[in-house]
């Protein structure tokens, strides 16, 4: 009998394969934005985080299509940019900010870039002295399997590059080209405002995330945060505790916080598709318009069209952060949320009926009833 130690070899085709993890293009962009936010958090969120996204989608010439994402966050040093291209290597879990970071696994960047295209360039800097650059062609890595290695450049800053990162000398610029599929710009406008609403409004930190879509940083390119059109008079806070037993048979406690309320004006977006709860974890959207947390196993129904809200969770989500993991914690949380909403079943049904009438007096009366039932103060017209 003999024993021998060895190091597993990384097949360079992994850089292509991780693009097939189920991410959509907008989710891939979100993974990159999440990295920018984590870097910003590491730097202390001392100023607004500016992220500029320039998408040049050539539907009939995908090879010439490109996506450039630039931030003015902390940037990376040599070791950090090398880790960016390594699999499951991340120092985030040992950081003082680990409880705030959006990603910990060292996986998202590779999955995101590979989903969008096959050619990737990263330029990053932490100082005004020099910057680092790595350029990779994922398809060429596979072709040159026997000589698999990446090259990093260290380049001295000049007057131009000192303003490369949205006017700053520190930050990161990522360029992805040679697209795998069509990438319509509209999906960015549809998904980014809701995905990052909490950072954009200053709910997470005193400084804000500012997202620009276009070639330059201008007022016309600044994305506004998502607005669910909730009626502030028909809104209550949620604080829902739950418990579960973990794998070590230890009882754990969790809490869902957020709010729910009603849309009291009908418009083209007042549909069954847009009813429900937006689920966030650490400020990042995990799921949009979730209905399972208040339907208690029943199918979605138009009688809930007026119901909207947000919840914030802390239990585990999947690696690509687009769904909550199917665990005992999630089952317990889901049961607790559904139990809470059972108490509001009549209000939800009656409010949707009232809104469908489009009669202001009927709607106002239902709002007053909802406020009274939930111990909220009534104004003079509601009493």
Protein backbone atom coordinates (compact mmCIF):
# COMPACT_ATOMS: atom_id res chain seq x y z
CA UNK A 1 0.00 0.00 0.00
CA UNK A 2 1.23 3.52 -0.82
CA UNK A 3 0.02 7.07 -0.29
CA UNK A 4 0.66 10.10 -2.40
CA UNK A 5 -0.47 13.69 -2.07
CA UNK A 6 -1.51 15.70 -5.12
CA UNK A 7 -3.09 19.02 -6.04
CA UNK A 8 -6.29 18.81 -8.13
CA UNK A 9 -5.92 20.44 -11.53
CA UNK A 10 -8.33 23.14 -12.66
CA UNK A 11 -9.61 22.46 -16.13
CA UNK A 12 -9.71 25.87 -17.90
CA UNK A 13 -13.05 24.89 -19.46
CA UNK A 14 -14.47 25.73 -16.02
CA UNK A 15 -14.38 29.40 -17.00
CA UNK A 16 -16.85 28.63 -19.79
CA UNK A 17 -18.95 26.08 -17.92
CA UNK A 18 -19.75 28.35 -14.94
CA UNK A 19 -21.63 30.59 -17.34
CA UNK A 20 -24.29 27.87 -17.49
CA UNK A 21 -25.39 28.18 -13.85
CA UNK A 22 -28.79 29.59 -14.77
CA UNK A 23 -28.01 33.28 -14.50
CA UNK A 24 -29.81 35.69 -16.79
CA UNK A 25 -27.87 38.58 -18.27
CA UNK A 26 -29.29 41.14 -15.85
CA UNK A 27 -28.46 38.82 -12.94
CA UNK A 28 -24.90 38.56 -14.23
CA UNK A 29 -24.67 42.36 -14.20
CA UNK A 30 -26.03 42.31 -10.65
CA UNK A 31 -23.24 39.95 -9.59
CA UNK A 32 -20.68 42.47 -10.83
CA UNK A 33 -22.49 45.36 -9.13
CA UNK A 34 -22.55 43.31 -5.91
CA UNK A 35 -18.75 43.05 -6.09
CA UNK A 36 -18.56 46.83 -6.50
CA UNK A 37 -20.76 47.28 -3.43
CA UNK A 38 -18.65 44.87 -1.37
CA UNK A 39 -15.53 46.82 -2.34
CA UNK A 40 -17.31 50.05 -1.41
CA UNK A 41 -18.25 48.57 1.96
CA UNK A 42 -14.63 47.60 2.54
CA UNK A 43 -13.64 51.21 1.98
CA UNK A 44 -16.10 52.47 4.58
CA UNK A 45 -18.83 53.87 2.24
CA UNK A 46 -17.36 57.34 2.75
CA UNK A 47 -18.71 58.73 -0.51
CA UNK A 48 -21.41 57.83 -2.99
CA UNK A 49 -20.68 54.71 -5.01
CA UNK A 50 -20.92 55.51 -8.71
CA UNK A 51 -21.35 52.59 -11.09
CA UNK A 52 -21.49 53.32 -14.81
CA UNK A 53 -22.80 50.62 -17.16
CA UNK A 54 -22.22 51.03 -20.88
CA UNK A 55 -23.91 48.30 -22.92
CA UNK A 56 -23.24 48.15 -26.66
CA UNK A 57 -25.46 45.30 -27.84
CA UNK A 58 -25.09 44.47 -31.52
CA UNK A 59 -27.84 41.94 -32.13
CA UNK A 60 -26.50 40.96 -35.54
CA UNK A 61 -22.83 40.97 -34.54
CA UNK A 62 -22.48 39.53 -31.04
CA UNK A 63 -18.72 39.20 -31.38
CA UNK A 64 -18.46 43.01 -31.53
CA UNK A 65 -20.88 43.57 -28.64
CA UNK A 66 -19.49 44.82 -25.33
CA UNK A 67 -20.41 45.68 -21.77
CA UNK A 68 -18.29 48.03 -19.68
CA UNK A 69 -18.91 48.46 -15.96
CA UNK A 70 -16.87 51.05 -14.05
CA UNK A 71 -16.97 51.85 -10.33
CA UNK A 72 -15.20 54.25 -7.99
CA UNK A 73 -15.04 51.79 -5.09
CA UNK A 74 -11.91 50.70 -3.21
CA UNK A 75 -10.30 48.83 -6.11
CA UNK A 76 -8.05 45.77 -5.85
CA UNK A 77 -4.38 45.11 -5.20
CA UNK A 78 -2.37 42.47 -7.03
CA UNK A 79 -3.41 39.56 -4.82
CA UNK A 80 -7.08 40.54 -4.92
CA UNK A 81 -7.29 40.76 -8.71
CA UNK A 82 -5.60 37.35 -8.95
CA UNK A 83 -8.20 35.94 -6.56
CA UNK A 84 -10.90 37.44 -8.76
CA UNK A 85 -9.98 34.92 -11.47
CA UNK A 86 -9.52 32.04 -9.01
CA UNK A 87 -12.35 29.71 -8.08
CA UNK A 88 -13.86 29.81 -4.59
CA UNK A 89 -10.92 31.83 -3.26
CA UNK A 90 -12.08 34.83 -1.28
CA UNK A 91 -10.89 36.65 1.83
CA UNK A 92 -14.31 38.18 2.46
CA UNK A 93 -15.40 35.63 5.07
CA UNK A 94 -12.56 36.70 7.39
CA UNK A 95 -13.21 40.42 6.96
CA UNK A 96 -14.67 42.68 9.64
CA UNK A 97 -17.41 43.43 7.08
CA UNK A 98 -18.34 39.80 6.38
CA UNK A 99 -21.82 40.28 7.87
CA UNK A 100 -22.49 43.06 5.34
CA UNK A 101 -20.96 41.61 2.19
CA UNK A 102 -23.25 40.40 -0.58
CA UNK A 103 -20.90 37.67 -1.80
CA UNK A 104 -18.49 35.40 0.07
CA UNK A 105 -17.81 32.45 -2.22
CA UNK A 106 -15.42 33.72 -4.90
CA UNK A 107 -17.72 32.40 -7.61
CA UNK A 108 -19.96 35.18 -8.89
CA UNK A 109 -17.51 37.10 -11.08
CA UNK A 110 -16.55 34.06 -13.15
CA UNK A 111 -20.16 32.94 -13.55
CA UNK A 112 -21.30 36.45 -14.45
CA UNK A 113 -18.65 37.28 -17.02
CA UNK A 114 -18.83 33.85 -18.64
CA UNK A 115 -22.61 34.13 -18.91
CA UNK A 116 -22.36 37.36 -20.89
CA UNK A 117 -19.31 36.84 -23.10
CA UNK A 118 -16.03 35.02 -23.68
CA UNK A 119 -13.54 37.91 -23.55
CA UNK A 120 -12.93 39.74 -20.29
CA UNK A 121 -10.67 42.60 -19.28
CA UNK A 122 -10.28 43.91 -15.71
CA UNK A 123 -8.45 47.11 -14.81
CA UNK A 124 -8.23 48.05 -11.15
CA UNK A 125 -6.35 50.33 -8.81
CA UNK A 126 -6.15 51.15 -5.12
CA UNK A 127 -3.82 54.14 -5.47
CA UNK A 128 -2.75 57.01 -7.68
CA UNK A 129 0.60 55.34 -8.35
CA UNK A 130 -0.26 52.35 -10.55
CA UNK A 131 -3.01 50.01 -11.68
CA UNK A 132 -3.32 46.33 -12.60
CA UNK A 133 -4.78 44.75 -15.70
CA UNK A 134 -5.75 41.18 -16.61
CA UNK A 135 -7.18 40.28 -20.02
CA UNK A 136 -8.64 36.82 -20.62
CA UNK A 137 -10.20 35.01 -23.55
CA UNK A 138 -12.04 32.07 -21.99
CA UNK A 139 -12.20 30.17 -25.28
CA UNK A 140 -8.46 30.57 -25.87
CA UNK A 141 -7.76 29.18 -22.39
CA UNK A 142 -9.52 25.97 -23.38
CA UNK A 143 -7.62 25.75 -26.66
CA UNK A 144 -4.28 26.23 -24.89
CA UNK A 145 -4.99 23.82 -22.08
CA UNK A 146 -1.38 22.64 -21.70
CA UNK A 147 -0.11 26.21 -21.31
CA UNK A 148 -2.92 27.36 -19.07
CA UNK A 149 -1.91 30.55 -17.29
CA UNK A 150 -3.05 34.15 -16.95
CA UNK A 151 -0.98 37.30 -17.25
CA UNK A 152 -1.19 40.37 -15.03
CA UNK A 153 0.18 43.79 -15.94
CA UNK A 154 1.27 46.47 -13.50
CA UNK A 155 1.08 49.87 -15.16
CA UNK A 156 2.02 53.31 -13.90
CA UNK A 157 -0.83 55.81 -13.72
CA UNK A 158 -0.80 58.84 -16.00
CA UNK A 159 -2.96 61.96 -15.98
CA UNK A 160 -5.71 60.18 -17.94
CA UNK A 161 -5.84 56.92 -16.00
CA UNK A 162 -5.94 58.79 -12.69
CA UNK A 163 -9.50 59.70 -13.68
CA UNK A 164 -10.34 56.31 -15.19
CA UNK A 165 -12.70 55.19 -12.44
CA UNK A 166 -15.54 57.67 -12.78
CA UNK A 167 -13.19 60.55 -12.15
CA UNK A 168 -11.14 58.76 -9.48
CA UNK A 169 -7.76 57.00 -9.45
CA UNK A 170 -9.13 54.08 -7.42
CA UNK A 171 -11.79 51.65 -8.56
CA UNK A 172 -12.41 48.88 -11.06
CA UNK A 173 -13.31 48.72 -14.74
CA UNK A 174 -14.61 45.48 -16.24
CA UNK A 175 -15.13 44.99 -19.94
CA UNK A 176 -16.85 41.93 -21.38
CA UNK A 177 -17.06 41.37 -25.14
CA UNK A 178 -17.83 38.70 -27.72
CA UNK A 179 -21.33 38.06 -26.35
CA UNK A 180 -22.85 34.61 -26.09
CA UNK A 181 -26.37 35.88 -26.79
CA UNK A 182 -28.40 38.98 -27.46
CA UNK A 183 -28.49 41.38 -24.50
CA UNK A 184 -31.38 43.89 -24.89
CA UNK A 185 -30.64 47.06 -22.85
CA UNK A 186 -34.25 47.24 -21.63
CA UNK A 187 -33.68 44.47 -19.08
CA UNK A 188 -31.24 46.75 -17.23
CA UNK A 189 -33.93 49.43 -16.88
CA UNK A 190 -36.45 46.81 -15.78
CA UNK A 191 -34.34 45.07 -13.15
CA UNK A 192 -31.55 47.28 -11.79
CA UNK A 193 -33.81 49.88 -10.09
CA UNK A 194 -35.62 47.20 -8.09
CA UNK A 195 -32.52 45.09 -7.48
CA UNK A 196 -30.58 47.91 -5.84
CA UNK A 197 -33.37 50.16 -4.57
CA UNK A 198 -32.24 49.96 -0.93
CA UNK A 199 -28.73 51.13 -1.76
CA UNK A 200 -29.99 53.79 -4.17
CA UNK A 201 -32.33 55.39 -1.63
CA UNK A 202 -29.80 55.47 1.22
CA UNK A 203 -31.66 52.86 3.26
CA UNK A 204 -28.51 50.75 3.71
CA UNK A 205 -25.91 53.50 4.27
CA UNK A 206 -25.92 57.30 4.53
CA UNK A 207 -24.09 57.47 1.21
CA UNK A 208 -25.88 56.12 -1.85
CA UNK A 209 -25.37 53.92 -4.87
CA UNK A 210 -25.79 55.84 -8.11
CA UNK A 211 -26.32 53.72 -11.22
CA UNK A 212 -25.79 55.24 -14.65
CA UNK A 213 -26.63 53.39 -17.85
CA UNK A 214 -24.95 54.94 -20.87
CA UNK A 215 -21.63 56.19 -22.15
CA UNK A 216 -21.29 59.01 -19.63
CA UNK A 217 -22.27 60.12 -16.16
CA UNK A 218 -25.15 62.49 -16.73
CA UNK A 219 -28.51 63.22 -15.16
CA UNK A 220 -30.31 61.68 -18.12
CA UNK A 221 -28.44 58.39 -17.63
CA UNK A 222 -29.05 58.14 -13.87
CA UNK A 223 -31.47 55.35 -12.97
CA UNK A 224 -34.19 56.24 -10.46
CA UNK A 225 -34.90 53.70 -7.68
CA UNK A 226 -37.90 51.43 -8.06
CA UNK A 227 -41.28 52.69 -6.86
CA UNK A 228 -43.98 50.11 -6.13
CA UNK A 229 -46.67 52.83 -5.85
CA UNK A 230 -47.73 51.74 -2.39
CA UNK A 231 -50.23 53.99 -0.64
CA UNK A 232 -48.44 55.25 2.49
CA UNK A 233 -51.80 55.45 4.30
CA UNK A 234 -52.33 51.73 3.65
CA UNK A 235 -49.01 50.35 4.83
CA UNK A 236 -47.84 48.58 7.99
CA UNK A 237 -44.49 47.28 9.21
CA UNK A 238 -43.69 43.59 9.56
CA UNK A 239 -41.54 41.95 12.21
CA UNK A 240 -41.98 38.19 12.12
CA UNK A 241 -39.91 35.90 14.39
CA UNK A 242 -39.37 32.23 13.58
CA UNK A 243 -37.37 29.29 14.91
CA UNK A 244 -35.81 26.15 13.49
CA UNK A 245 -33.44 23.38 14.54
CA UNK A 246 -30.15 23.25 12.65
CA UNK A 247 -28.12 20.22 11.57
CA UNK A 248 -26.45 20.07 14.99
CA UNK A 249 -29.87 19.88 16.71
CA UNK A 250 -29.47 23.41 18.06
CA UNK A 251 -32.48 25.71 18.11
CA UNK A 252 -31.90 28.84 16.02
CA UNK A 253 -33.89 32.06 15.87
CA UNK A 254 -34.52 34.38 12.95
CA UNK A 255 -36.63 37.39 12.13
CA UNK A 256 -38.17 38.72 8.94
CA UNK A 257 -38.59 42.48 8.86
CA UNK A 258 -40.17 44.68 6.23
CA UNK A 259 -43.60 46.01 5.39
CA UNK A 260 -46.65 45.41 3.26
CA UNK A 261 -49.52 47.52 2.08
CA UNK A 262 -51.69 48.26 -0.89
CA UNK A 263 -51.71 49.95 -4.25
CA UNK A 264 -54.91 51.98 -4.25
CA UNK A 265 -54.78 53.33 -7.80
CA UNK A 266 -55.18 51.15 -10.86
CA UNK A 267 -52.69 51.62 -13.70
CA UNK A 268 -51.25 49.37 -16.45
CA UNK A 269 -48.93 47.76 -13.87
CA UNK A 270 -51.79 46.83 -11.54
CA UNK A 271 -51.82 43.12 -12.41
CA UNK A 272 -51.50 39.73 -10.79
CA UNK A 273 -47.93 39.50 -12.08
CA UNK A 274 -46.87 42.56 -10.07
CA UNK A 275 -48.65 41.73 -6.79
CA UNK A 276 -46.54 40.29 -4.01
CA UNK A 277 -43.46 40.75 -1.85
CA UNK A 278 -40.00 41.71 -3.05
CA UNK A 279 -37.49 39.62 -1.11
CA UNK A 280 -34.14 41.17 -0.20
CA UNK A 281 -31.05 39.90 1.58
CA UNK A 282 -28.57 42.47 2.84
CA UNK A 283 -30.09 45.00 0.48
CA UNK A 284 -29.88 42.88 -2.69
CA UNK A 285 -33.01 41.63 -4.45
CA UNK A 286 -33.34 37.84 -4.28
CA UNK A 287 -36.86 37.42 -5.63
CA UNK A 288 -39.38 39.79 -7.19
CA UNK A 289 -43.14 39.66 -6.55
CA UNK A 290 -43.09 36.55 -4.38
CA UNK A 291 -46.60 35.21 -3.75
CA UNK A 292 -45.88 31.99 -1.87
CA UNK A 293 -45.35 33.80 1.44
CA UNK A 294 -48.98 34.93 1.66
CA UNK A 295 -50.95 32.46 -0.47
CA UNK A 296 -50.29 29.52 1.89
CA UNK A 297 -50.02 26.99 -0.91
CA UNK A 298 -52.88 28.34 -3.01
CA UNK A 299 -52.43 29.58 -6.56
CA UNK A 300 -51.98 33.35 -7.14
CA UNK A 301 -55.26 35.17 -7.62
CA UNK A 302 -56.47 38.58 -8.82
CA UNK A 303 -58.09 39.12 -5.42
CA UNK A 304 -54.59 40.00 -4.14
CA UNK A 305 -53.64 42.45 -6.90
CA UNK A 306 -53.47 45.43 -4.55
CA UNK A 307 -51.02 43.72 -2.17
CA UNK A 308 -47.36 44.75 -2.40
CA UNK A 309 -44.46 44.94 0.02
CA UNK A 310 -40.86 44.13 0.89
CA UNK A 311 -39.27 41.69 3.29
CA UNK A 312 -35.65 41.40 4.38
CA UNK A 313 -34.23 37.98 5.20
CA UNK A 314 -30.93 36.69 6.58
CA UNK A 315 -31.16 32.95 5.89
CA UNK A 316 -29.10 31.29 3.16
CA UNK A 317 -29.76 31.83 -0.52
CA UNK A 318 -28.30 29.92 -3.44
CA UNK A 319 -24.87 30.64 -4.88
CA UNK A 320 -26.14 32.90 -7.66
CA UNK A 321 -28.46 34.70 -5.21
CA UNK A 322 -31.73 34.36 -7.12
CA UNK A 323 -33.60 32.02 -4.75
CA UNK A 324 -33.77 31.10 -1.08
CA UNK A 325 -32.24 27.70 -0.30
CA UNK A 326 -34.71 24.92 0.47
CA UNK A 327 -33.79 24.37 4.12
CA UNK A 328 -35.52 23.86 7.48
CA UNK A 329 -34.87 27.55 8.15
CA UNK A 330 -36.71 28.53 4.98
CA UNK A 331 -39.62 26.20 5.73
CA UNK A 332 -39.99 27.68 9.21
CA UNK A 333 -39.73 31.22 7.88
CA UNK A 334 -42.28 30.60 5.15
CA UNK A 335 -44.74 29.11 7.66
CA UNK A 336 -44.35 32.12 9.97
CA UNK A 337 -44.90 34.65 7.18
CA UNK A 338 -47.99 32.86 5.89
CA UNK A 339 -49.35 32.74 9.43
CA UNK A 340 -48.90 36.49 9.74
CA UNK A 341 -50.72 37.17 6.48
CA UNK A 342 -53.66 34.98 7.46
CA UNK A 343 -54.52 37.70 9.97
CA UNK A 344 -54.85 40.17 7.09
CA UNK A 345 -56.76 37.90 4.72
CA UNK A 346 -60.01 39.86 4.90
CA UNK A 347 -58.28 43.24 4.52
CA UNK A 348 -56.37 42.04 1.46
CA UNK A 349 -59.54 40.78 -0.24
CA UNK A 350 -61.63 43.84 0.65
CA UNK A 351 -58.94 46.31 -0.40
CA UNK A 352 -58.60 44.72 -3.83
CA UNK A 353 -62.39 44.81 -4.25
CA UNK A 354 -62.42 48.48 -3.26
CA UNK A 355 -59.61 49.40 -5.65
CA UNK A 356 -61.38 47.64 -8.51
CA UNK A 357 -64.34 49.97 -8.06
CA UNK A 358 -62.03 52.97 -8.61
CA UNK A 359 -64.37 54.86 -6.30
CA UNK A 360 -62.31 57.17 -4.07
CA UNK A 361 -64.82 57.14 -1.22
CA UNK A 362 -65.01 53.34 -1.11
CA UNK A 363 -61.21 53.09 -1.22
CA UNK A 364 -60.80 55.72 1.50
CA UNK A 365 -63.27 53.86 3.72
CA UNK A 366 -61.36 50.60 3.28
CA UNK A 367 -58.05 52.33 4.07
CA UNK A 368 -59.58 53.70 7.29
CA UNK A 369 -60.82 50.22 8.24
CA UNK A 370 -57.37 48.75 7.58
CA UNK A 371 -55.68 51.40 9.72
CA UNK A 372 -58.16 50.96 12.56
CA UNK A 373 -57.81 47.17 12.54
CA UNK A 374 -54.03 47.49 12.79
CA UNK A 375 -53.92 50.12 15.51
CA UNK A 376 -52.82 52.96 13.24
CA UNK A 377 -53.83 56.53 13.92
CA UNK A 378 -56.71 57.86 11.83
CA UNK A 379 -56.71 61.36 10.40
CA UNK A 380 -59.72 63.66 10.59
CA UNK A 381 -61.24 62.47 7.32
CA UNK A 382 -60.82 58.80 8.28
CA UNK A 383 -62.47 59.00 11.71
